[in-house]
Amino acid sequence: MSTTMKDTADVPLEDARQLLTDLVSIPSPSGEERDAAERLVEFFEGYGREAWLDDVGNVRAPADDAVLLTSHVDTVPGEIPVEVEPADEADVEREVAEEVGEDVLWGRGSVDATGPLAAMAAAAVRTGVSFVGVVGEETNSRGARHLVDDREKPDAVVNGEPSGATGITLGYRGFLAGTYVATSESGHTSRPEPNAIQHATNWWTTVESVFEDDEYTPVFERVTAKPVDIDGGISDDGLSVETTLEVQLRVPPALDVETVRETAEAELEIGTVSWAEPIPPVMKSPRTEVARAFRAAIRKEDAEPRLLRKTGTSDMNLYAGAWDCPMVTYGPGNSDLDHAPDERLSLTEFDRSVDVLERVSTTLRGGDD
């Protein structure tokens, strides 16, 4: 869909803040995003923009594809009372706010990633660029997976996750999840032979040692291997010992997920492991048009841009695998508060991120910021 520079509308910061507060006030854990998604559709339609929910529940608001602004609608579970409080010295010390007295919004999702989502919605209306709010990022990224299958490649992508108003995220590690299963004969615990539970723990201990790095290697450049769940014991008929071990590995851009998978499987002597669909790592250049636009926009805020690499995984990994175009991740908020019981966002930082996104989008559309 093509648009002109006339397809823009002024969104006062008060309206952008109200959208943010409304979205944080609407519970939207993964799988229950519809009410929040409908609030976003209402916001776009209120400014004369076409918007709708697609087959999986994503909010689609197409316009100028010079850049696609996209973030996720869902949050992790957890109720945090929604309220605005003045920042105190602890907020400044934790880099939540720059100054004591700033308004700080408390609530689940304020940082990850409703703050970036609302900032992008406001900037998309102000500048007439495309917007998508995707569902399911915190579980299986079903919204982003549907989007890359159902939509043409935009000219550039800005993915919404907290990086701070001056941070530009260029890289994420990849993700590999597996399920190990083993069965052994039951027997008296005095017998020396390992049972299925020991086979599972022995395999995983070996995998961890294979990927162990020295303390001087940055976390972003390491493989991180974590067991996340284990279940085991005597079978119902009493004749065997069974175990199931759920594992996750984070993969740096220097490796590919297939190499990591093969390395883990090479240590497998007993039992089987099945792997979920992997998410490859991503590392984008800081010299792309979109990264340059962000550096210039942040400097116009009298701030110094920071280039970041994140040790987790985001929907940007999927976009980079499907679309050969420049992209970064950006959004307000201190990512140390992702999923935390004290999740909160400075509204001053939120306002600044809206302005930065507006400048970036205007630049990428070929306008004068």
Protein backbone atom coordinates (compact mmCIF):
# COMPACT_ATOMS: atom_id res chain seq x y z
CA MET A 1 0.00 0.00 0.00
CA SER A 2 1.40 3.40 -0.95
CA THR A 3 0.78 6.64 0.91
CA THR A 4 1.83 10.24 0.67
CA MET A 5 3.32 12.55 3.23
CA LYS A 6 -0.21 13.89 3.70
CA ASP A 7 -1.27 10.58 5.26
CA THR A 8 -0.13 11.70 8.67
CA ALA A 9 -1.82 13.03 11.76
CA ASP A 10 -0.66 14.80 14.86
CA VAL A 11 -0.81 12.61 17.95
CA PRO A 12 -0.41 14.69 21.11
CA LEU A 13 1.85 13.15 23.71
CA GLU A 14 -1.14 13.09 26.06
CA ASP A 15 -2.95 10.76 23.66
CA ALA A 16 0.13 8.57 23.29
CA ARG A 17 0.45 8.34 27.09
CA GLN A 18 -3.25 7.49 27.38
CA LEU A 19 -2.87 4.69 24.85
CA LEU A 20 0.09 3.35 26.84
CA THR A 21 -1.83 3.48 30.13
CA ASP A 22 -4.89 1.83 28.60
CA LEU A 23 -2.83 -0.99 27.10
CA VAL A 24 -0.94 -1.61 30.35
CA SER A 25 -4.28 -1.66 32.19
CA ILE A 26 -5.69 -4.37 29.89
CA PRO A 27 -4.30 -7.81 30.85
CA SER A 28 -2.77 -9.34 27.72
CA PRO A 29 -0.78 -12.48 28.56
CA SER A 30 0.04 -14.66 25.56
CA GLY A 31 -3.15 -16.13 24.12
CA GLU A 32 -5.34 -13.43 25.66
CA GLU A 33 -4.32 -10.41 23.59
CA ARG A 34 -7.66 -9.65 21.89
CA ASP A 35 -8.91 -6.84 24.17
CA ALA A 36 -5.59 -4.99 23.95
CA ALA A 37 -5.45 -5.58 20.19
CA GLU A 38 -8.93 -4.08 19.77
CA ARG A 39 -7.82 -0.99 21.75
CA LEU A 40 -4.99 -0.54 19.24
CA VAL A 41 -7.41 -0.85 16.30
CA GLU A 42 -9.61 1.80 17.94
CA PHE A 43 -6.58 4.09 18.29
CA PHE A 44 -5.68 3.86 14.60
CA GLU A 45 -9.28 4.24 13.42
CA GLY A 46 -9.64 7.31 15.65
CA TYR A 47 -6.97 8.98 13.52
CA GLY A 48 -8.48 7.88 10.23
CA ARG A 49 -6.14 4.95 9.68
CA GLU A 50 -7.33 1.58 8.42
CA ALA A 51 -6.60 -1.21 10.91
CA TRP A 52 -7.84 -4.75 11.58
CA LEU A 53 -7.04 -8.05 13.27
CA ASP A 54 -5.62 -10.72 10.96
CA ASP A 55 -6.15 -14.49 11.10
CA VAL A 56 -3.95 -15.02 14.18
CA GLY A 57 -4.95 -11.80 15.99
CA ASN A 58 -2.13 -9.46 14.89
CA VAL A 59 -3.06 -5.76 14.61
CA ARG A 60 -2.40 -4.73 11.00
CA ALA A 61 -2.24 -1.03 10.07
CA PRO A 62 -0.55 -0.88 6.65
CA ALA A 63 0.67 2.39 5.16
CA ASP A 64 4.04 3.49 3.75
CA ASP A 65 6.42 0.51 3.80
CA ALA A 66 9.54 2.68 3.89
CA VAL A 67 9.69 1.25 7.39
CA LEU A 68 7.55 -1.22 9.33
CA LEU A 69 7.21 -0.46 13.04
CA THR A 70 6.29 -3.64 14.89
CA SER A 71 6.20 -4.80 18.48
CA HIS A 72 4.33 -7.44 20.45
CA VAL A 73 0.94 -7.09 22.11
CA ASP A 74 1.31 -9.94 24.61
CA THR A 75 3.03 -9.88 27.98
CA VAL A 76 4.10 -12.53 30.45
CA PRO A 77 1.56 -13.31 33.20
CA GLY A 78 1.53 -11.39 36.46
CA GLU A 79 -0.58 -8.63 37.99
CA ILE A 80 1.13 -5.39 38.98
CA PRO A 81 -1.20 -2.57 40.10
CA VAL A 82 -1.28 0.10 37.38
CA GLU A 83 -0.41 3.50 38.80
CA VAL A 84 1.73 6.55 38.07
CA GLU A 85 4.18 7.50 40.82
CA PRO A 86 6.91 10.16 40.96
CA ALA A 87 10.41 8.74 40.53
CA ASP A 88 12.49 8.48 43.69
CA GLU A 89 16.23 8.12 44.19
CA ALA A 90 15.99 4.33 43.82
CA ASP A 91 14.47 4.80 40.35
CA VAL A 92 17.36 7.05 39.35
CA GLU A 93 19.92 4.62 40.76
CA ARG A 94 18.36 1.71 38.82
CA GLU A 95 18.31 3.85 35.63
CA VAL A 96 14.51 3.78 35.45
CA ALA A 97 14.38 7.60 35.48
CA GLU A 98 16.92 10.36 34.92
CA GLU A 99 15.58 12.69 37.61
CA VAL A 100 13.67 12.44 40.86
CA GLY A 101 10.03 13.46 40.35
CA GLU A 102 9.57 12.13 36.79
CA ASP A 103 6.26 10.34 36.28
CA VAL A 104 6.79 6.57 36.31
CA LEU A 105 4.10 4.14 35.11
CA TRP A 106 3.94 0.85 37.00
CA GLY A 107 2.26 -2.21 35.47
CA ARG A 108 2.85 -5.56 33.75
CA GLY A 109 4.14 -4.98 30.24
CA SER A 110 5.05 -1.32 30.74
CA VAL A 111 8.61 -2.21 29.72
CA ASP A 112 8.24 -5.52 27.82
CA ALA A 113 6.91 -4.45 25.45
CA THR A 114 3.81 -2.29 25.79
CA GLY A 115 5.94 0.85 26.08
CA PRO A 116 7.64 0.22 22.71
CA LEU A 117 4.29 -0.90 21.22
CA ALA A 118 2.43 2.29 22.18
CA ALA A 119 5.35 4.53 21.16
CA MET A 120 5.41 2.87 17.73
CA ALA A 121 1.66 3.19 17.26
CA ALA A 122 1.87 6.95 17.95
CA ALA A 123 4.89 7.39 15.65
CA ALA A 124 3.24 5.36 12.86
CA VAL A 125 0.19 7.65 12.89
CA ARG A 126 2.33 10.79 13.04
CA THR A 127 4.44 9.75 10.05
CA GLY A 128 2.15 7.54 7.95
CA VAL A 129 4.29 4.38 8.06
CA SER A 130 3.20 0.77 8.45
CA PHE A 131 2.55 -0.80 11.85
CA VAL A 132 1.90 -4.32 13.12
CA GLY A 133 1.24 -5.41 16.69
CA VAL A 134 2.02 -9.13 16.83
CA VAL A 135 0.77 -11.78 19.25
CA GLY A 136 2.49 -14.65 21.01
CA GLU A 137 6.05 -13.32 21.19
CA GLU A 138 6.49 -14.49 24.77
CA THR A 139 5.69 -18.13 23.85
CA ASN A 140 6.05 -19.33 20.26
CA SER A 141 6.15 -16.09 18.20
CA ARG A 142 3.09 -17.25 16.27
CA GLY A 143 2.24 -13.65 15.29
CA ALA A 144 5.66 -12.93 13.79
CA ARG A 145 5.78 -16.33 12.05
CA HIS A 146 2.40 -15.63 10.44
CA LEU A 147 3.47 -12.12 9.48
CA VAL A 148 6.55 -13.17 7.51
CA ASP A 149 4.50 -15.79 5.64
CA ASP A 150 1.60 -13.45 4.91
CA ARG A 151 3.24 -10.13 4.08
CA GLU A 152 5.62 -8.64 1.54
CA LYS A 153 9.05 -7.51 2.74
CA PRO A 154 9.09 -3.85 3.85
CA ASP A 155 12.00 -1.56 2.99
CA ALA A 156 13.16 -1.55 6.64
CA VAL A 157 12.02 -2.91 10.02
CA VAL A 158 12.12 -1.48 13.51
CA ASN A 159 11.25 -4.16 16.05
CA GLY A 160 9.94 -2.96 19.40
CA GLU A 161 11.67 -4.17 22.57
CA PRO A 162 13.11 -2.17 25.48
CA SER A 163 16.57 -0.80 24.77
CA GLY A 164 16.25 2.56 26.51
CA ALA A 165 15.50 5.73 24.57
CA THR A 166 19.15 6.01 23.50
CA GLY A 167 19.86 2.32 22.78
CA ILE A 168 19.86 0.67 19.34
CA THR A 169 19.86 -3.14 19.43
CA LEU A 170 21.62 -4.79 16.49
CA GLY A 171 21.96 -8.41 17.61
CA TYR A 172 20.27 -11.27 19.43
CA ARG A 173 21.37 -14.80 20.14
CA GLY A 174 19.46 -17.70 18.56
CA PHE A 175 17.30 -20.20 20.42
CA LEU A 176 17.13 -23.99 20.42
CA ALA A 177 14.75 -25.98 22.65
CA GLY A 178 14.78 -29.78 23.04
CA THR A 179 13.02 -32.58 24.92
CA TYR A 180 15.11 -35.53 26.11
CA VAL A 181 13.36 -38.82 26.90
CA ALA A 182 14.83 -42.02 28.37
CA THR A 183 13.59 -45.26 29.94
CA SER A 184 15.48 -47.84 32.01
CA GLU A 185 14.53 -51.03 33.81
CA SER A 186 13.42 -50.53 37.39
CA GLY A 187 15.56 -52.06 40.12
CA HIS A 188 16.72 -51.68 43.67
CA THR A 189 18.37 -48.33 44.32
CA SER A 190 21.43 -50.14 45.72
CA ARG A 191 22.32 -51.33 42.20
CA PRO A 192 25.22 -49.41 40.60
CA GLU A 193 23.77 -49.15 37.09
CA PRO A 194 22.45 -45.65 36.26
CA ASN A 195 18.72 -45.28 35.75
CA ALA A 196 16.91 -43.09 33.23
CA ILE A 197 17.05 -40.01 35.47
CA GLN A 198 20.84 -40.37 35.76
CA HIS A 199 21.14 -40.86 32.00
CA ALA A 200 19.36 -37.52 31.53
CA THR A 201 21.46 -35.60 34.03
CA ASN A 202 24.68 -37.22 32.78
CA TRP A 203 23.92 -36.20 29.19
CA TRP A 204 23.11 -32.64 30.14
CA THR A 205 26.15 -32.27 32.40
CA THR A 206 28.32 -33.30 29.45
CA VAL A 207 26.55 -30.86 27.11
CA GLU A 208 27.12 -28.01 29.57
CA SER A 209 30.82 -28.84 29.85
CA VAL A 210 31.23 -28.95 26.05
CA PHE A 211 29.87 -25.40 25.74
CA GLU A 212 31.62 -24.02 28.83
CA ASP A 213 33.59 -20.83 28.17
CA ASP A 214 36.04 -18.91 30.28
CA GLU A 215 34.75 -16.02 32.33
CA TYR A 216 36.31 -13.48 29.98
CA THR A 217 34.14 -14.46 27.00
CA PRO A 218 31.18 -12.05 26.74
CA VAL A 219 27.84 -13.77 27.41
CA PHE A 220 26.61 -12.68 23.95
CA GLU A 221 29.40 -14.74 22.36
CA ARG A 222 28.78 -17.91 24.38
CA VAL A 223 26.40 -20.85 24.05
CA THR A 224 24.25 -20.84 27.17
CA ALA A 225 22.81 -24.27 28.03
CA LYS A 226 19.96 -24.45 30.56
CA PRO A 227 17.73 -27.27 31.81
CA VAL A 228 14.27 -25.77 32.35
CA ASP A 229 12.18 -28.74 33.53
CA ILE A 230 12.64 -32.39 34.53
CA ASP A 231 10.09 -35.10 35.30
CA GLY A 232 10.84 -38.69 36.16
CA GLY A 233 10.29 -41.71 38.33
CA ILE A 234 8.88 -45.24 38.43
CA SER A 235 6.36 -45.98 35.66
CA ASP A 236 2.74 -46.74 36.50
CA ASP A 237 3.28 -50.51 36.04
CA GLY A 238 6.36 -50.41 38.28
CA LEU A 239 8.58 -52.07 35.68
CA SER A 240 10.70 -49.13 34.50
CA VAL A 241 12.11 -45.72 35.34
CA GLU A 242 11.18 -42.92 32.96
CA THR A 243 12.42 -39.35 32.63
CA THR A 244 11.75 -36.30 30.49
CA LEU A 245 14.16 -33.36 30.50
CA GLU A 246 13.35 -30.02 28.83
CA VAL A 247 16.42 -28.03 27.76
CA GLN A 248 17.16 -24.71 26.07
CA LEU A 249 20.29 -23.37 24.38
CA ARG A 250 21.08 -19.80 23.34
CA VAL A 251 23.24 -19.60 20.23
CA PRO A 252 25.65 -16.72 19.42
CA PRO A 253 25.86 -15.32 15.85
CA ALA A 254 29.33 -16.89 15.47
CA LEU A 255 27.64 -20.32 15.39
CA ASP A 256 24.58 -21.70 13.65
CA VAL A 257 21.85 -23.60 15.45
CA GLU A 258 22.49 -26.77 13.42
CA THR A 259 26.10 -26.94 14.63
CA VAL A 260 24.98 -26.50 18.23
CA ARG A 261 22.28 -29.16 17.84
CA GLU A 262 24.76 -31.66 16.35
CA THR A 263 27.26 -30.97 19.14
CA ALA A 264 24.63 -31.65 21.81
CA GLU A 265 23.43 -34.82 20.07
CA ALA A 266 27.01 -36.09 19.75
CA GLU A 267 27.13 -36.42 23.54
CA LEU A 268 23.95 -38.53 23.55
CA GLU A 269 24.62 -42.18 24.50
CA ILE A 270 21.27 -43.30 25.87
CA GLY A 271 17.82 -41.85 25.27
CA THR A 272 16.46 -39.65 22.50
CA VAL A 273 16.02 -35.91 22.04
CA SER A 274 13.53 -34.08 19.83
CA TRP A 275 14.06 -30.45 18.91
CA ALA A 276 11.53 -27.67 18.38
CA GLU A 277 11.84 -25.41 15.34
CA PRO A 278 15.01 -23.37 15.99
CA ILE A 279 15.33 -19.59 15.87
CA PRO A 280 18.63 -18.51 14.29
CA PRO A 281 20.82 -15.75 15.79
CA VAL A 282 20.99 -12.30 14.18
CA MET A 283 23.63 -9.57 14.02
CA LYS A 284 22.95 -6.53 11.84
CA SER A 285 25.41 -3.89 10.62
CA PRO A 286 25.51 -0.50 12.38
CA ARG A 287 26.06 1.13 8.97
CA THR A 288 22.61 0.56 7.50
CA GLU A 289 20.26 3.43 6.62
CA VAL A 290 17.97 2.63 9.55
CA ALA A 291 20.81 2.48 12.11
CA ARG A 292 22.17 5.80 10.82
CA ALA A 293 18.71 7.35 11.08
CA PHE A 294 18.48 6.29 14.73
CA ARG A 295 21.92 7.69 15.61
CA ALA A 296 20.98 11.05 14.09
CA ALA A 297 17.57 11.10 15.78
CA ILE A 298 19.00 10.30 19.22
CA ARG A 299 21.69 12.96 18.86
CA LYS A 300 18.95 15.52 18.14
CA GLU A 301 17.72 14.69 21.65
CA ASP A 302 21.15 15.85 22.90
CA ALA A 303 21.96 12.25 23.81
CA GLU A 304 24.66 9.82 22.73
CA PRO A 305 23.39 6.68 20.96
CA ARG A 306 24.42 3.27 22.31
CA LEU A 307 24.77 0.16 20.11
CA LEU A 308 23.58 -2.98 21.89
CA ARG A 309 23.69 -6.75 21.60
CA LYS A 310 21.11 -8.73 23.59
CA THR A 311 21.74 -12.17 25.07
CA GLY A 312 18.11 -13.26 24.60
CA THR A 313 16.01 -13.78 21.47
CA SER A 314 13.26 -11.67 19.89
CA ASP A 315 10.98 -11.53 16.87
CA MET A 316 13.78 -9.66 15.08
CA ASN A 317 15.53 -13.03 14.71
CA LEU A 318 12.57 -14.27 12.64
CA TYR A 319 12.29 -11.10 10.56
CA ALA A 320 16.01 -11.21 9.75
CA GLY A 321 15.70 -14.81 8.60
CA ALA A 322 12.76 -14.03 6.29
CA TRP A 323 13.36 -10.48 5.05
CA ASP A 324 16.62 -9.23 3.57
CA CYS A 325 16.30 -5.61 4.61
CA PRO A 326 17.91 -3.31 7.20
CA MET A 327 16.50 -3.59 10.71
CA VAL A 328 17.15 -2.77 14.33
CA THR A 329 15.30 -3.16 17.62
CA TYR A 330 14.38 -0.10 19.67
CA GLY A 331 12.05 0.97 22.45
CA PRO A 332 11.85 2.75 25.81
CA GLY A 333 12.47 0.98 29.09
CA ASN A 334 15.17 -0.67 31.17
CA SER A 335 15.32 -4.29 30.00
CA ASP A 336 16.56 -5.36 33.45
CA LEU A 337 12.89 -4.97 34.45
CA ASP A 338 11.58 -7.37 31.76
CA HIS A 339 9.13 -9.81 33.44
CA ALA A 340 10.07 -8.40 36.87
CA PRO A 341 7.57 -7.88 39.74
CA ASP A 342 8.55 -4.18 39.86
CA GLU A 343 8.21 -3.52 36.11
CA ARG A 344 7.84 0.23 35.47
CA LEU A 345 8.58 2.85 32.81
CA SER A 346 9.47 6.55 32.94
CA LEU A 347 6.89 8.51 30.96
CA THR A 348 9.56 11.11 30.14
CA GLU A 349 11.57 8.35 28.46
CA PHE A 350 8.42 7.15 26.69
CA ASP A 351 7.82 10.66 25.28
CA ARG A 352 11.42 10.85 24.08
CA SER A 353 11.17 7.50 22.31
CA VAL A 354 8.04 8.63 20.45
CA ASP A 355 9.98 11.65 19.17
CA VAL A 356 12.96 9.51 18.16
CA LEU A 357 10.71 7.05 16.29
CA GLU A 358 8.97 9.95 14.54
CA ARG A 359 12.29 11.37 13.33
CA VAL A 360 13.52 7.97 12.16
CA SER A 361 10.30 7.19 10.28
CA THR A 362 10.23 10.62 8.65
CA THR A 363 13.85 10.24 7.54
CA LEU A 364 13.23 6.78 6.08
CA ARG A 365 10.19 8.10 4.17
CA GLY A 366 12.45 10.68 2.59
CA GLY A 367 11.04 13.62 4.51
CA ASP A 368 12.70 16.40 6.45
CA ASP A 369 12.78 15.54 10.15
